[in-house]
Amino acid sequence: MKADLPGFITDPNRNGSARYRVRVEGDKNCRITIAVEPDHPNFLDYYQAALAILLELQKDN
């Protein structure tokens, strides 16, 4: 899946496999791991839910 998703990052976990995360701009430490891979049919639902949570947390601070 190739798309421009704000805040979407991929980084390796401790055993080298990919971990997919969402973070808000300006706060590198506030991230949520997405439980499914980008080719999963419901990936965008997971991504949007994670982003909504992060934006809500950012608004509360």
Protein backbone atom coordinates (compact mmCIF):
# COMPACT_ATOMS: atom_id res chain seq x y z
CA MET A 1 0.00 0.00 0.00
CA LYS A 2 1.44 3.33 -1.05
CA ALA A 3 -0.36 6.31 0.39
CA ASP A 4 0.52 9.60 2.01
CA LEU A 5 -0.68 9.04 5.58
CA PRO A 6 0.26 11.85 7.98
CA GLY A 7 2.19 10.57 10.97
CA PHE A 8 2.54 7.00 9.67
CA ILE A 9 5.97 5.55 10.35
CA THR A 10 7.58 2.14 10.01
CA ASP A 11 10.42 1.11 12.28
CA PRO A 12 11.93 -2.23 13.23
CA ASN A 13 11.12 -3.92 16.50
CA ARG A 14 13.82 -5.61 18.59
CA ASN A 15 13.88 -8.79 16.46
CA GLY A 16 14.02 -6.90 13.16
CA SER A 17 10.49 -7.24 11.81
CA ALA A 18 8.55 -4.12 10.86
CA ARG A 19 6.41 -2.26 13.36
CA TYR A 20 3.82 0.19 12.05
CA ARG A 21 3.05 3.27 14.10
CA VAL A 22 1.19 6.56 14.04
CA ARG A 23 2.47 9.71 15.73
CA VAL A 24 1.47 13.33 15.81
CA GLU A 25 3.64 16.05 14.37
CA GLY A 26 5.90 17.70 16.91
CA ASP A 27 5.96 14.89 19.49
CA LYS A 28 8.24 12.00 18.57
CA ASN A 29 7.57 10.18 21.85
CA CYS A 30 3.79 9.98 21.55
CA ARG A 31 3.13 7.01 19.26
CA ILE A 32 0.56 4.24 18.89
CA THR A 33 1.44 0.91 17.30
CA ILE A 34 -1.01 -0.30 14.66
CA ALA A 35 -1.80 -4.00 15.14
CA VAL A 36 -2.21 -4.84 11.44
CA GLU A 37 0.02 -4.53 8.38
CA PRO A 38 -0.67 -1.91 5.67
CA ASP A 39 -2.02 -4.54 3.25
CA HIS A 40 -4.75 -5.62 5.71
CA PRO A 41 -8.27 -4.75 4.45
CA ASN A 42 -9.08 -2.78 7.64
CA PHE A 43 -5.74 -0.99 7.91
CA LEU A 44 -7.18 2.47 7.26
CA ASP A 45 -9.75 1.94 10.03
CA TYR A 46 -6.95 1.07 12.49
CA TYR A 47 -4.86 4.01 11.28
CA GLN A 48 -7.73 6.50 11.61
CA ALA A 49 -8.63 5.22 15.09
CA ALA A 50 -5.02 5.53 16.27
CA LEU A 51 -4.70 9.02 14.81
CA ALA A 52 -7.95 10.12 16.44
CA ILE A 53 -6.72 8.89 19.83
CA LEU A 54 -3.43 10.72 19.43
CA LEU A 55 -5.11 13.95 18.39
CA GLU A 56 -7.44 13.72 21.38
CA LEU A 57 -4.49 13.18 23.72
CA GLN A 58 -2.67 16.12 22.17
CA LYS A 59 -5.75 18.34 22.59
CA ASP A 60 -5.98 17.43 26.29
CA ASN A 61 -2.38 18.52 26.95
